[in-house]
Amino acid sequence: MKLKNHYIIVLIILSVWGGCISPPDDFPTIPDISFNNMEFVQASGADSLIITLNFRDAEGDLGLNARDLFPPFNELNYLTDDEGNFITYSNRPDDAPSFNNRDWVIFPLINNVEIEDTLWVSENEDYYNIFVKFFIKRGGNYTEFKWSDPPYFTTFNGRFPRMLEEERGRAIEGNIRYSMLSLGWNSIFRTDTLRLELQVQDRALNRSNVVTTPDFTLAQIER
């Protein structure tokens, strides 16, 4: 769908409550997260911005695997006209965006059939299960830095894998270490003061509380 200037690495440390061991009474049905730690690691290649979150969930239905691609976890929605036909770039309406790697996809595979055209698409947010927003602080005010806007047309939302393979609900808690790799951290943000907002979502589409990181510059959290 899009060209990304980043990669995402997830490390999960998990505790499972089951069998004869009862979880604490306050484990929530809606995932509960809290801030743990934040690091910036420079390397010879892509640099890493790493956020660690604590989580708790009563059912353990956190995570999506590679096979979780069918609705509601499909990546893309293909836009159609009033007659139900896919909207192609050559027949786009006046309000359609110019070509970019986020809003248009070339020769997509739909139901195992390759469509030999360029189609207008929208991103399905439920494809992801961790959501990240970036904010820059200037003059005491925060402005969202929108990766989806030009010239980036990308996102740092991502997916972490299933924590429990079986569907039987069990309470879980632990840490998610979410590593966002990019060649552009220093060139984009330099000495800017930033903060992030994060959420996670379970497979029942329950979104957690929003966690806000402390203000930081890349130099302040460099490891």
N, C-alpha and C. Protein backbone atom coordinates (compact mmCIF):
# COMPACT_ATOMS: atom_id res chain seq x y z
N MET A 1 0.81 -1.20 0.00
CA MET A 1 0.00 0.00 0.00
C MET A 1 0.85 1.25 0.00
N LYS A 2 1.93 1.27 0.77
CA LYS A 2 2.69 2.48 0.93
C LYS A 2 4.15 2.16 1.14
N LEU A 3 4.98 3.12 0.85
CA LEU A 3 6.40 3.00 1.13
C LEU A 3 6.64 3.55 2.52
N LYS A 4 7.25 2.78 3.40
CA LYS A 4 7.48 3.22 4.76
C LYS A 4 8.96 3.45 4.99
N ASN A 5 9.26 4.45 5.80
CA ASN A 5 10.65 4.73 6.12
C ASN A 5 11.00 4.15 7.47
N HIS A 6 10.25 3.16 7.92
CA HIS A 6 10.48 2.64 9.26
C HIS A 6 10.09 1.17 9.33
N TYR A 7 10.54 0.56 10.39
CA TYR A 7 10.15 -0.80 10.73
C TYR A 7 9.73 -0.82 12.19
N ILE A 8 9.01 -1.85 12.58
CA ILE A 8 8.53 -1.96 13.95
C ILE A 8 8.94 -3.31 14.50
N ILE A 9 9.52 -3.30 15.69
CA ILE A 9 9.91 -4.53 16.38
C ILE A 9 9.21 -4.55 17.72
N VAL A 10 8.62 -5.69 18.08
CA VAL A 10 7.88 -5.79 19.33
C VAL A 10 8.45 -6.94 20.15
N LEU A 11 8.74 -6.66 21.41
CA LEU A 11 9.14 -7.67 22.37
C LEU A 11 8.11 -7.70 23.48
N ILE A 12 7.58 -8.87 23.79
CA ILE A 12 6.54 -9.00 24.81
C ILE A 12 7.04 -9.87 25.95
N ILE A 13 6.90 -9.36 27.17
CA ILE A 13 7.17 -10.13 28.38
C ILE A 13 5.81 -10.39 29.02
N LEU A 14 5.44 -11.65 29.19
CA LEU A 14 4.06 -12.01 29.50
C LEU A 14 3.96 -12.86 30.76
N SER A 15 2.96 -12.54 31.59
CA SER A 15 2.56 -13.40 32.70
C SER A 15 1.12 -13.82 32.47
N VAL A 16 0.82 -15.10 32.63
CA VAL A 16 -0.52 -15.63 32.39
C VAL A 16 -1.09 -16.15 33.70
N TRP A 17 -2.31 -15.74 33.98
CA TRP A 17 -3.00 -16.22 35.17
C TRP A 17 -4.03 -17.26 34.73
N GLY A 18 -3.89 -18.48 35.21
CA GLY A 18 -4.81 -19.53 34.82
C GLY A 18 -4.72 -20.71 35.75
N GLY A 19 -5.50 -21.73 35.43
CA GLY A 19 -5.48 -22.95 36.25
C GLY A 19 -5.96 -22.67 37.65
N CYS A 20 -5.15 -23.03 38.62
CA CYS A 20 -5.51 -22.86 40.02
C CYS A 20 -5.14 -21.49 40.56
N ILE A 21 -4.51 -20.67 39.73
CA ILE A 21 -4.07 -19.36 40.20
C ILE A 21 -5.08 -18.32 39.74
N SER A 22 -5.66 -17.59 40.65
CA SER A 22 -6.65 -16.58 40.31
C SER A 22 -5.98 -15.24 40.10
N PRO A 23 -6.38 -14.52 39.05
CA PRO A 23 -5.81 -13.19 38.84
C PRO A 23 -6.37 -12.21 39.85
N PRO A 24 -5.70 -11.09 40.03
CA PRO A 24 -6.28 -10.06 40.89
C PRO A 24 -7.67 -9.66 40.43
N ASP A 25 -8.50 -9.23 41.37
CA ASP A 25 -9.90 -8.93 41.06
C ASP A 25 -10.08 -7.74 40.13
N ASP A 26 -9.06 -6.87 40.03
CA ASP A 26 -9.24 -5.65 39.26
C ASP A 26 -8.74 -5.75 37.83
N PHE A 27 -8.50 -6.97 37.32
CA PHE A 27 -8.08 -7.10 35.93
C PHE A 27 -9.23 -6.66 35.03
N PRO A 28 -8.96 -5.77 34.06
CA PRO A 28 -10.05 -5.18 33.27
C PRO A 28 -10.37 -5.96 32.00
N THR A 29 -11.63 -5.90 31.57
CA THR A 29 -12.01 -6.44 30.26
C THR A 29 -11.44 -5.58 29.14
N ILE A 30 -11.51 -4.26 29.31
CA ILE A 30 -10.86 -3.35 28.37
C ILE A 30 -9.39 -3.27 28.75
N PRO A 31 -8.47 -3.46 27.81
CA PRO A 31 -7.04 -3.47 28.17
C PRO A 31 -6.65 -2.20 28.93
N ASP A 32 -5.80 -2.39 29.92
CA ASP A 32 -5.30 -1.28 30.71
C ASP A 32 -3.78 -1.20 30.51
N ILE A 33 -3.30 -0.01 30.15
CA ILE A 33 -1.87 0.15 29.91
C ILE A 33 -1.33 1.32 30.73
N SER A 34 -0.04 1.30 30.97
CA SER A 34 0.63 2.40 31.65
C SER A 34 2.03 2.54 31.08
N PHE A 35 2.59 3.74 31.21
CA PHE A 35 3.92 4.02 30.69
C PHE A 35 4.97 3.37 31.58
N ASN A 36 6.00 2.79 30.94
CA ASN A 36 7.09 2.17 31.67
C ASN A 36 8.42 2.87 31.40
N ASN A 37 8.80 2.98 30.11
CA ASN A 37 10.13 3.50 29.81
C ASN A 37 10.18 3.95 28.36
N MET A 38 11.23 4.73 28.03
CA MET A 38 11.41 5.25 26.69
C MET A 38 12.90 5.41 26.42
N GLU A 39 13.33 5.02 25.21
CA GLU A 39 14.75 5.08 24.85
C GLU A 39 14.91 5.48 23.40
N PHE A 40 16.04 6.10 23.10
CA PHE A 40 16.42 6.38 21.72
C PHE A 40 17.81 5.80 21.50
N VAL A 41 17.92 4.91 20.52
CA VAL A 41 19.17 4.20 20.25
C VAL A 41 19.59 4.48 18.83
N GLN A 42 20.77 5.11 18.67
CA GLN A 42 21.31 5.37 17.35
C GLN A 42 22.19 4.21 16.90
N ALA A 43 22.15 3.95 15.60
CA ALA A 43 22.90 2.82 15.05
C ALA A 43 23.49 3.25 13.71
N SER A 44 24.29 2.36 13.12
CA SER A 44 24.89 2.66 11.82
C SER A 44 23.83 2.68 10.72
N GLY A 45 22.74 1.98 10.95
CA GLY A 45 21.63 2.01 10.00
C GLY A 45 20.48 2.82 10.57
N ALA A 46 19.30 2.19 10.66
CA ALA A 46 18.13 2.86 11.21
C ALA A 46 18.27 3.02 12.72
N ASP A 47 17.83 4.17 13.23
CA ASP A 47 17.82 4.42 14.66
C ASP A 47 16.49 3.95 15.25
N SER A 48 16.50 3.67 16.56
CA SER A 48 15.33 3.09 17.22
C SER A 48 14.77 4.05 18.26
N LEU A 49 13.47 4.31 18.18
CA LEU A 49 12.73 4.98 19.24
C LEU A 49 11.89 3.90 19.91
N ILE A 50 12.18 3.62 21.18
CA ILE A 50 11.63 2.44 21.84
C ILE A 50 10.76 2.87 23.02
N ILE A 51 9.52 2.41 23.03
CA ILE A 51 8.59 2.68 24.12
C ILE A 51 8.23 1.36 24.78
N THR A 52 8.30 1.32 26.11
CA THR A 52 7.87 0.13 26.86
C THR A 52 6.61 0.48 27.64
N LEU A 53 5.58 -0.35 27.46
CA LEU A 53 4.31 -0.18 28.15
C LEU A 53 4.05 -1.37 29.06
N ASN A 54 3.41 -1.13 30.20
CA ASN A 54 2.85 -2.19 31.02
C ASN A 54 1.41 -2.42 30.56
N PHE A 55 0.94 -3.67 30.63
CA PHE A 55 -0.45 -3.94 30.25
C PHE A 55 -1.06 -4.98 31.17
N ARG A 56 -2.39 -4.93 31.26
CA ARG A 56 -3.19 -5.95 31.95
C ARG A 56 -4.47 -6.15 31.16
N ASP A 57 -4.93 -7.40 31.09
CA ASP A 57 -6.17 -7.68 30.36
C ASP A 57 -6.80 -8.95 30.92
N ALA A 58 -8.10 -8.92 31.17
CA ALA A 58 -8.78 -10.04 31.83
C ALA A 58 -8.96 -11.25 30.92
N GLU A 59 -9.16 -11.02 29.61
CA GLU A 59 -9.45 -12.13 28.69
C GLU A 59 -8.23 -12.64 27.94
N GLY A 60 -7.19 -11.86 27.87
CA GLY A 60 -6.00 -12.28 27.15
C GLY A 60 -6.13 -12.24 25.64
N ASP A 61 -7.14 -11.51 25.13
CA ASP A 61 -7.35 -11.47 23.67
C ASP A 61 -6.60 -10.31 23.05
N LEU A 62 -5.33 -10.23 23.35
CA LEU A 62 -4.46 -9.20 22.79
C LEU A 62 -3.56 -9.81 21.72
N GLY A 63 -3.37 -9.06 20.66
CA GLY A 63 -2.43 -9.50 19.62
C GLY A 63 -3.12 -9.98 18.36
N LEU A 64 -2.41 -9.82 17.24
CA LEU A 64 -2.87 -10.28 15.93
C LEU A 64 -1.72 -10.97 15.23
N ASN A 65 -2.00 -12.11 14.63
CA ASN A 65 -0.98 -12.83 13.88
C ASN A 65 -1.11 -12.56 12.39
N ALA A 66 -0.20 -13.09 11.62
CA ALA A 66 -0.18 -12.83 10.17
C ALA A 66 -1.46 -13.33 9.50
N ARG A 67 -2.09 -14.33 10.04
CA ARG A 67 -3.31 -14.86 9.43
C ARG A 67 -4.54 -14.02 9.74
N ASP A 68 -4.42 -13.08 10.65
CA ASP A 68 -5.55 -12.22 11.02
C ASP A 68 -5.66 -11.07 10.03
N LEU A 69 -6.16 -11.39 8.82
CA LEU A 69 -6.25 -10.42 7.74
C LEU A 69 -7.66 -10.24 7.21
N PHE A 70 -8.60 -11.02 7.77
CA PHE A 70 -9.99 -10.92 7.32
C PHE A 70 -10.73 -9.92 8.20
N PRO A 71 -11.85 -9.34 7.67
CA PRO A 71 -12.59 -8.37 8.47
C PRO A 71 -12.90 -8.93 9.87
N PRO A 72 -12.72 -8.11 10.91
CA PRO A 72 -12.50 -6.66 10.85
C PRO A 72 -11.03 -6.25 10.82
N PHE A 73 -10.11 -7.22 10.55
CA PHE A 73 -8.67 -6.93 10.65
C PHE A 73 -8.02 -6.75 9.29
N ASN A 74 -8.82 -6.58 8.23
CA ASN A 74 -8.27 -6.34 6.90
C ASN A 74 -7.52 -5.02 6.89
N GLU A 75 -6.47 -4.93 6.06
CA GLU A 75 -5.65 -3.72 6.04
C GLU A 75 -6.31 -2.57 5.31
N LEU A 76 -7.01 -2.87 4.19
CA LEU A 76 -7.51 -1.81 3.31
C LEU A 76 -9.00 -1.95 3.07
N ASN A 77 -9.64 -0.81 2.85
CA ASN A 77 -10.99 -0.76 2.32
C ASN A 77 -10.90 -0.18 0.91
N TYR A 78 -11.50 -0.86 -0.06
CA TYR A 78 -11.45 -0.40 -1.45
C TYR A 78 -12.70 0.43 -1.73
N LEU A 79 -12.49 1.69 -2.07
CA LEU A 79 -13.61 2.60 -2.25
C LEU A 79 -14.32 2.32 -3.57
N THR A 80 -15.64 2.49 -3.54
CA THR A 80 -16.46 2.20 -4.72
C THR A 80 -17.35 3.40 -5.04
N ASP A 81 -17.84 3.43 -6.27
CA ASP A 81 -18.77 4.49 -6.68
C ASP A 81 -20.20 4.08 -6.33
N ASP A 82 -21.17 4.88 -6.76
CA ASP A 82 -22.57 4.63 -6.41
C ASP A 82 -23.09 3.32 -6.97
N GLU A 83 -22.42 2.82 -7.99
CA GLU A 83 -22.85 1.56 -8.60
C GLU A 83 -22.08 0.37 -8.06
N GLY A 84 -21.21 0.62 -7.09
CA GLY A 84 -20.46 -0.47 -6.47
C GLY A 84 -19.19 -0.86 -7.19
N ASN A 85 -18.76 -0.06 -8.16
CA ASN A 85 -17.53 -0.34 -8.89
C ASN A 85 -16.33 0.29 -8.17
N PHE A 86 -15.21 -0.40 -8.21
CA PHE A 86 -13.99 0.17 -7.64
C PHE A 86 -13.66 1.48 -8.33
N ILE A 87 -13.16 2.44 -7.56
CA ILE A 87 -12.76 3.73 -8.14
C ILE A 87 -11.30 3.63 -8.56
N THR A 88 -11.07 3.81 -9.85
CA THR A 88 -9.71 3.73 -10.40
C THR A 88 -9.13 5.13 -10.53
N TYR A 89 -7.81 5.18 -10.65
CA TYR A 89 -7.15 6.49 -10.75
C TYR A 89 -7.53 7.20 -12.04
N SER A 90 -7.71 6.46 -13.10
CA SER A 90 -8.05 7.09 -14.39
C SER A 90 -9.47 7.64 -14.39
N ASN A 91 -10.34 7.11 -13.51
CA ASN A 91 -11.73 7.57 -13.44
C ASN A 91 -12.06 8.16 -12.07
N ARG A 92 -11.07 8.77 -11.43
CA ARG A 92 -11.25 9.29 -10.07
C ARG A 92 -12.15 10.53 -10.08
N PRO A 93 -12.94 10.72 -9.05
CA PRO A 93 -13.76 11.94 -8.94
C PRO A 93 -12.90 13.14 -8.58
N ASP A 94 -13.51 14.32 -8.63
CA ASP A 94 -12.77 15.56 -8.38
C ASP A 94 -12.21 15.64 -6.97
N ASP A 95 -12.89 15.01 -6.02
CA ASP A 95 -12.45 15.11 -4.62
C ASP A 95 -11.42 14.05 -4.25
N ALA A 96 -11.01 13.23 -5.20
CA ALA A 96 -10.02 12.20 -4.92
C ALA A 96 -8.63 12.82 -4.80
N PRO A 97 -7.77 12.26 -3.94
CA PRO A 97 -6.42 12.80 -3.81
C PRO A 97 -5.56 12.48 -5.02
N SER A 98 -4.49 13.28 -5.19
CA SER A 98 -3.50 12.94 -6.21
C SER A 98 -2.81 11.65 -5.83
N PHE A 99 -2.09 11.05 -6.77
CA PHE A 99 -1.48 9.76 -6.49
C PHE A 99 -0.46 9.86 -5.36
N ASN A 100 -0.57 8.94 -4.44
CA ASN A 100 0.44 8.75 -3.39
C ASN A 100 0.33 7.31 -2.93
N ASN A 101 1.32 6.87 -2.18
CA ASN A 101 1.39 5.46 -1.80
C ASN A 101 0.50 5.09 -0.62
N ARG A 102 -0.25 6.05 -0.11
CA ARG A 102 -1.17 5.76 0.99
C ARG A 102 -2.60 5.61 0.49
N ASP A 103 -3.02 6.48 -0.44
CA ASP A 103 -4.41 6.50 -0.89
C ASP A 103 -4.68 5.66 -2.14
N TRP A 104 -3.61 5.24 -2.82
CA TRP A 104 -3.79 4.48 -4.05
C TRP A 104 -2.91 3.23 -4.00
N VAL A 105 -3.43 2.14 -4.53
CA VAL A 105 -2.67 0.90 -4.57
C VAL A 105 -2.71 0.37 -6.00
N ILE A 106 -1.56 -0.07 -6.49
CA ILE A 106 -1.41 -0.52 -7.87
C ILE A 106 -1.50 -2.04 -7.93
N PHE A 107 -2.34 -2.54 -8.83
CA PHE A 107 -2.50 -3.97 -9.09
C PHE A 107 -2.73 -4.75 -7.78
N PRO A 108 -3.75 -4.38 -7.00
CA PRO A 108 -3.99 -5.10 -5.75
C PRO A 108 -4.52 -6.52 -5.99
N LEU A 109 -4.32 -7.37 -5.01
CA LEU A 109 -4.86 -8.72 -5.02
C LEU A 109 -6.10 -8.73 -4.14
N ILE A 110 -7.27 -8.93 -4.75
CA ILE A 110 -8.53 -8.91 -4.03
C ILE A 110 -9.21 -10.26 -4.22
N ASN A 111 -9.45 -10.97 -3.10
CA ASN A 111 -10.03 -12.31 -3.17
C ASN A 111 -9.23 -13.21 -4.11
N ASN A 112 -7.90 -13.11 -4.00
CA ASN A 112 -6.96 -13.91 -4.78
C ASN A 112 -7.00 -13.61 -6.28
N VAL A 113 -7.57 -12.48 -6.65
CA VAL A 113 -7.60 -12.06 -8.05
C VAL A 113 -6.87 -10.73 -8.16
N GLU A 114 -5.87 -10.65 -9.06
CA GLU A 114 -5.14 -9.41 -9.24
C GLU A 114 -5.96 -8.46 -10.11
N ILE A 115 -6.17 -7.25 -9.60
CA ILE A 115 -6.88 -6.21 -10.34
C ILE A 115 -5.83 -5.37 -11.06
N GLU A 116 -5.82 -5.40 -12.38
CA GLU A 116 -4.79 -4.72 -13.14
C GLU A 116 -5.15 -3.25 -13.35
N ASP A 117 -5.13 -2.54 -12.25
CA ASP A 117 -5.45 -1.12 -12.27
C ASP A 117 -4.96 -0.50 -10.97
N THR A 118 -5.14 0.81 -10.83
CA THR A 118 -4.77 1.53 -9.62
C THR A 118 -6.04 1.95 -8.92
N LEU A 119 -6.25 1.48 -7.69
CA LEU A 119 -7.52 1.68 -6.99
C LEU A 119 -7.36 2.62 -5.81
N TRP A 120 -8.42 3.37 -5.56
CA TRP A 120 -8.49 4.27 -4.41
C TRP A 120 -8.83 3.44 -3.17
N VAL A 121 -8.07 3.63 -2.10
CA VAL A 121 -8.27 2.84 -0.89
C VAL A 121 -8.28 3.75 0.33
N SER A 122 -8.83 3.24 1.40
CA SER A 122 -8.70 3.87 2.71
C SER A 122 -8.15 2.83 3.67
N GLU A 123 -7.41 3.30 4.65
CA GLU A 123 -6.80 2.40 5.62
C GLU A 123 -7.82 2.02 6.68
N ASN A 124 -7.86 0.74 7.03
CA ASN A 124 -8.73 0.26 8.10
C ASN A 124 -7.94 0.30 9.40
N GLU A 125 -8.34 1.17 10.33
CA GLU A 125 -7.59 1.33 11.57
C GLU A 125 -7.56 0.04 12.39
N ASP A 126 -8.58 -0.81 12.25
CA ASP A 126 -8.63 -2.03 13.04
C ASP A 126 -7.64 -3.09 12.55
N TYR A 127 -6.93 -2.80 11.46
CA TYR A 127 -5.82 -3.66 11.05
C TYR A 127 -4.71 -3.62 12.10
N TYR A 128 -4.61 -2.50 12.80
CA TYR A 128 -3.57 -2.31 13.81
C TYR A 128 -4.10 -2.65 15.20
N ASN A 129 -3.16 -2.90 16.12
CA ASN A 129 -3.58 -3.07 17.51
C ASN A 129 -2.75 -2.23 18.49
N ILE A 130 -1.84 -1.42 17.97
CA ILE A 130 -1.17 -0.43 18.79
C ILE A 130 -1.12 0.86 17.98
N PHE A 131 -1.48 1.96 18.63
CA PHE A 131 -1.66 3.23 17.95
C PHE A 131 -0.77 4.27 18.61
N VAL A 132 -0.05 5.03 17.78
CA VAL A 132 0.92 6.00 18.28
C VAL A 132 0.68 7.35 17.62
N LYS A 133 0.57 8.39 18.42
CA LYS A 133 0.50 9.76 17.92
C LYS A 133 1.70 10.54 18.44
N PHE A 134 2.26 11.39 17.58
CA PHE A 134 3.41 12.22 17.91
C PHE A 134 2.96 13.67 18.05
N PHE A 135 3.50 14.36 19.06
CA PHE A 135 3.19 15.77 19.27
C PHE A 135 4.49 16.53 19.48
N ILE A 136 4.59 17.72 18.87
CA ILE A 136 5.72 18.62 19.05
C ILE A 136 5.27 19.77 19.94
N LYS A 137 6.10 20.09 20.93
CA LYS A 137 5.79 21.18 21.85
C LYS A 137 6.56 22.43 21.45
N ARG A 138 5.83 23.50 21.17
CA ARG A 138 6.44 24.77 20.81
C ARG A 138 5.64 25.90 21.46
N GLY A 139 6.35 26.76 22.19
CA GLY A 139 5.69 27.86 22.87
C GLY A 139 4.68 27.39 23.89
N GLY A 140 4.93 26.23 24.49
CA GLY A 140 4.02 25.70 25.50
C GLY A 140 2.81 24.98 24.94
N ASN A 141 2.65 24.94 23.62
CA ASN A 141 1.51 24.28 22.99
C ASN A 141 1.96 23.04 22.22
N TYR A 142 1.09 22.04 22.18
CA TYR A 142 1.39 20.80 21.48
C TYR A 142 0.64 20.76 20.15
N THR A 143 1.37 20.42 19.09
CA THR A 143 0.78 20.24 17.77
C THR A 143 1.08 18.84 17.29
N GLU A 144 0.04 18.15 16.82
CA GLU A 144 0.26 16.78 16.36
C GLU A 144 1.09 16.77 15.08
N PHE A 145 2.10 15.92 15.06
CA PHE A 145 2.89 15.69 13.86
C PHE A 145 2.26 14.51 13.14
N LYS A 146 1.61 14.76 12.01
CA LYS A 146 0.82 13.74 11.33
C LYS A 146 1.65 13.06 10.25
N TRP A 147 2.05 11.84 10.54
CA TRP A 147 2.84 11.07 9.57
C TRP A 147 2.05 10.76 8.31
N SER A 148 0.72 10.77 8.41
CA SER A 148 -0.09 10.44 7.24
C SER A 148 -0.10 11.55 6.19
N ASP A 149 0.31 12.76 6.59
CA ASP A 149 0.32 13.89 5.66
C ASP A 149 1.56 13.84 4.76
N PRO A 150 1.53 14.62 3.65
CA PRO A 150 2.73 14.74 2.82
C PRO A 150 3.88 15.31 3.65
N PRO A 151 5.11 14.94 3.39
CA PRO A 151 5.56 14.06 2.30
C PRO A 151 5.71 12.60 2.71
N TYR A 152 5.23 12.23 3.92
CA TYR A 152 5.55 10.90 4.45
C TYR A 152 4.52 9.83 4.06
N PHE A 153 3.22 10.16 4.13
CA PHE A 153 2.17 9.22 3.77
C PHE A 153 2.38 7.87 4.46
N THR A 154 2.60 7.89 5.76
CA THR A 154 2.89 6.65 6.47
C THR A 154 2.25 6.68 7.86
N THR A 155 2.58 5.72 8.68
CA THR A 155 2.05 5.63 10.03
C THR A 155 3.02 4.87 10.90
N PHE A 156 3.02 5.18 12.19
CA PHE A 156 3.76 4.38 13.14
C PHE A 156 2.83 3.52 13.98
N ASN A 157 1.55 3.44 13.60
CA ASN A 157 0.70 2.40 14.17
C ASN A 157 1.24 1.05 13.74
N GLY A 158 0.97 0.01 14.52
CA GLY A 158 1.52 -1.30 14.17
C GLY A 158 0.72 -2.43 14.76
N ARG A 159 1.25 -3.63 14.60
CA ARG A 159 0.62 -4.84 15.12
C ARG A 159 1.63 -5.60 15.97
N PHE A 160 1.19 -6.08 17.11
CA PHE A 160 2.00 -7.02 17.88
C PHE A 160 1.31 -8.38 17.85
N PRO A 161 2.06 -9.48 17.96
CA PRO A 161 1.49 -10.82 17.76
C PRO A 161 0.60 -11.26 18.91
N ARG A 162 -0.19 -12.28 18.64
CA ARG A 162 -1.07 -12.85 19.67
C ARG A 162 -0.25 -13.28 20.88
N MET A 163 -0.75 -12.95 22.04
CA MET A 163 -0.06 -13.33 23.27
C MET A 163 -0.47 -14.73 23.72
N LEU A 164 -1.70 -15.11 23.45
CA LEU A 164 -2.17 -16.47 23.71
C LEU A 164 -2.76 -17.02 22.42
N GLU A 165 -2.32 -18.18 22.00
CA GLU A 165 -2.83 -18.77 20.76
C GLU A 165 -4.22 -19.34 20.93
N GLU A 166 -4.51 -19.93 22.10
CA GLU A 166 -5.83 -20.50 22.31
C GLU A 166 -6.84 -19.40 22.54
N GLU A 167 -8.09 -19.67 22.19
CA GLU A 167 -9.15 -18.68 22.33
C GLU A 167 -9.73 -18.65 23.74
N ARG A 168 -9.41 -19.65 24.58
CA ARG A 168 -9.92 -19.65 25.95
C ARG A 168 -9.36 -18.45 26.70
N GLY A 169 -10.27 -17.66 27.27
CA GLY A 169 -9.85 -16.43 27.92
C GLY A 169 -9.07 -16.68 29.20
N ARG A 170 -7.95 -16.01 29.34
CA ARG A 170 -7.16 -16.05 30.57
C ARG A 170 -6.58 -14.68 30.82
N ALA A 171 -6.52 -14.28 32.06
CA ALA A 171 -5.97 -12.98 32.40
C ALA A 171 -4.46 -12.96 32.15
N ILE A 172 -4.00 -11.85 31.61
CA ILE A 172 -2.57 -11.70 31.32
C ILE A 172 -2.10 -10.31 31.75
N GLU A 173 -0.81 -10.22 32.03
CA GLU A 173 -0.19 -8.94 32.29
C GLU A 173 1.27 -9.04 31.86
N GLY A 174 1.90 -7.90 31.64
CA GLY A 174 3.30 -7.92 31.24
C GLY A 174 3.71 -6.60 30.64
N ASN A 175 4.71 -6.67 29.75
CA ASN A 175 5.26 -5.48 29.10
C ASN A 175 5.28 -5.66 27.60
N ILE A 176 5.03 -4.59 26.90
CA ILE A 176 5.22 -4.52 25.45
C ILE A 176 6.35 -3.53 25.20
N ARG A 177 7.40 -4.01 24.55
CA ARG A 177 8.52 -3.13 24.17
C ARG A 177 8.39 -2.89 22.67
N TYR A 178 8.02 -1.68 22.32
CA TYR A 178 7.63 -1.32 20.96
C TYR A 178 8.72 -0.45 20.35
N SER A 179 9.42 -1.00 19.37
CA SER A 179 10.59 -0.34 18.80
C SER A 179 10.28 0.15 17.40
N MET A 180 10.37 1.46 17.20
CA MET A 180 10.08 2.08 15.91
C MET A 180 11.40 2.50 15.28
N LEU A 181 11.73 1.90 14.15
CA LEU A 181 13.02 2.13 13.49
C LEU A 181 12.85 3.06 12.31
N SER A 182 13.74 4.04 12.21
CA SER A 182 13.68 4.98 11.09
C SER A 182 15.06 5.58 10.84
N LEU A 183 15.28 5.97 9.61
CA LEU A 183 16.49 6.71 9.25
C LEU A 183 16.33 8.21 9.49
N GLY A 184 15.11 8.63 9.86
CA GLY A 184 14.82 10.06 9.84
C GLY A 184 14.59 10.73 11.17
N TRP A 185 14.77 10.02 12.29
CA TRP A 185 14.44 10.65 13.58
C TRP A 185 15.18 11.96 13.78
N ASN A 186 16.50 11.95 13.66
CA ASN A 186 17.29 13.15 13.93
C ASN A 186 17.04 14.25 12.91
N SER A 187 16.90 13.88 11.66
CA SER A 187 16.73 14.90 10.63
C SER A 187 15.36 15.57 10.72
N ILE A 188 14.35 14.85 11.21
CA ILE A 188 13.01 15.42 11.31
C ILE A 188 12.83 16.22 12.60
N PHE A 189 13.25 15.66 13.73
CA PHE A 189 12.92 16.26 15.02
C PHE A 189 14.08 17.04 15.67
N ARG A 190 15.32 16.74 15.32
CA ARG A 190 16.48 17.49 15.82
C ARG A 190 16.39 17.70 17.32
N THR A 191 16.19 18.95 17.78
CA THR A 191 16.12 19.25 19.22
C THR A 191 14.70 19.51 19.69
N ASP A 192 13.70 19.16 18.89
CA ASP A 192 12.31 19.40 19.26
C ASP A 192 11.95 18.67 20.55
N THR A 193 11.08 19.29 21.34
CA THR A 193 10.48 18.62 22.49
C THR A 193 9.24 17.87 22.03
N LEU A 194 9.20 16.58 22.33
CA LEU A 194 8.14 15.71 21.85
C LEU A 194 7.39 15.07 23.01
N ARG A 195 6.23 14.56 22.70
CA ARG A 195 5.58 13.59 23.57
C ARG A 195 4.75 12.67 22.67
N LEU A 196 4.50 11.48 23.14
CA LEU A 196 3.72 10.51 22.38
C LEU A 196 2.47 10.13 23.14
N GLU A 197 1.42 9.77 22.41
CA GLU A 197 0.23 9.18 23.00
C GLU A 197 0.05 7.79 22.40
N LEU A 198 -0.23 6.80 23.25
CA LEU A 198 -0.33 5.41 22.80
C LEU A 198 -1.59 4.75 23.32
N GLN A 199 -2.14 3.85 22.52
CA GLN A 199 -3.24 2.99 22.90
C GLN A 199 -2.99 1.60 22.33
N VAL A 200 -3.61 0.59 22.93
CA VAL A 200 -3.64 -0.74 22.34
C VAL A 200 -5.11 -1.16 22.20
N GLN A 201 -5.32 -2.18 21.39
CA GLN A 201 -6.68 -2.65 21.12
C GLN A 201 -6.69 -4.18 21.14
N ASP A 202 -7.74 -4.76 21.75
CA ASP A 202 -7.84 -6.22 21.76
C ASP A 202 -8.64 -6.70 20.56
N ARG A 203 -8.79 -8.00 20.42
CA ARG A 203 -9.46 -8.55 19.24
C ARG A 203 -10.97 -8.34 19.27
N ALA A 204 -11.52 -7.95 20.41
CA ALA A 204 -12.93 -7.56 20.48
C ALA A 204 -13.10 -6.09 20.12
N LEU A 205 -12.01 -5.45 19.70
CA LEU A 205 -11.96 -4.05 19.28
C LEU A 205 -12.17 -3.09 20.46
N ASN A 206 -11.86 -3.55 21.66
CA ASN A 206 -11.85 -2.66 22.82
C ASN A 206 -10.53 -1.92 22.85
N ARG A 207 -10.59 -0.59 22.86
CA ARG A 207 -9.36 0.21 22.95
C ARG A 207 -9.06 0.55 24.40
N SER A 208 -7.80 0.47 24.72
CA SER A 208 -7.34 0.76 26.08
C SER A 208 -7.45 2.26 26.37
N ASN A 209 -7.11 2.60 27.59
CA ASN A 209 -6.88 3.99 27.95
C ASN A 209 -5.72 4.54 27.12
N VAL A 210 -5.64 5.87 27.03
CA VAL A 210 -4.55 6.54 26.33
C VAL A 210 -3.42 6.81 27.33
N VAL A 211 -2.21 6.43 26.95
CA VAL A 211 -1.03 6.71 27.76
C VAL A 211 -0.23 7.83 27.09
N THR A 212 0.14 8.83 27.86
CA THR A 212 0.95 9.93 27.37
C THR A 212 2.34 9.85 27.98
N THR A 213 3.37 9.89 27.14
CA THR A 213 4.73 9.85 27.65
C THR A 213 5.10 11.20 28.26
N PRO A 214 6.13 11.25 29.09
CA PRO A 214 6.68 12.54 29.50
C PRO A 214 7.24 13.28 28.29
N ASP A 215 7.36 14.60 28.39
CA ASP A 215 8.06 15.36 27.36
C ASP A 215 9.49 14.87 27.25
N PHE A 216 10.03 14.89 26.02
CA PHE A 216 11.42 14.45 25.84
C PHE A 216 11.99 15.04 24.57
N THR A 217 13.29 15.12 24.51
CA THR A 217 14.03 15.31 23.26
C THR A 217 14.77 14.01 22.99
N LEU A 218 15.17 13.80 21.77
CA LEU A 218 15.90 12.57 21.44
C LEU A 218 17.18 12.46 22.24
N ALA A 219 17.86 13.58 22.44
CA ALA A 219 19.12 13.56 23.19
C ALA A 219 18.88 13.18 24.65
N GLN A 220 17.75 13.57 25.22
CA GLN A 220 17.48 13.29 26.63
C GLN A 220 17.27 11.81 26.90
N ILE A 221 16.76 11.09 25.92
CA ILE A 221 16.48 9.67 26.16
C ILE A 221 17.44 8.75 25.41
N GLU A 222 18.50 9.33 24.85
CA GLU A 222 19.45 8.51 24.10
C GLU A 222 20.17 7.55 25.04
N ARG A 223 20.30 6.31 24.58
CA ARG A 223 20.97 5.29 25.36
C ARG A 223 22.34 4.99 24.77
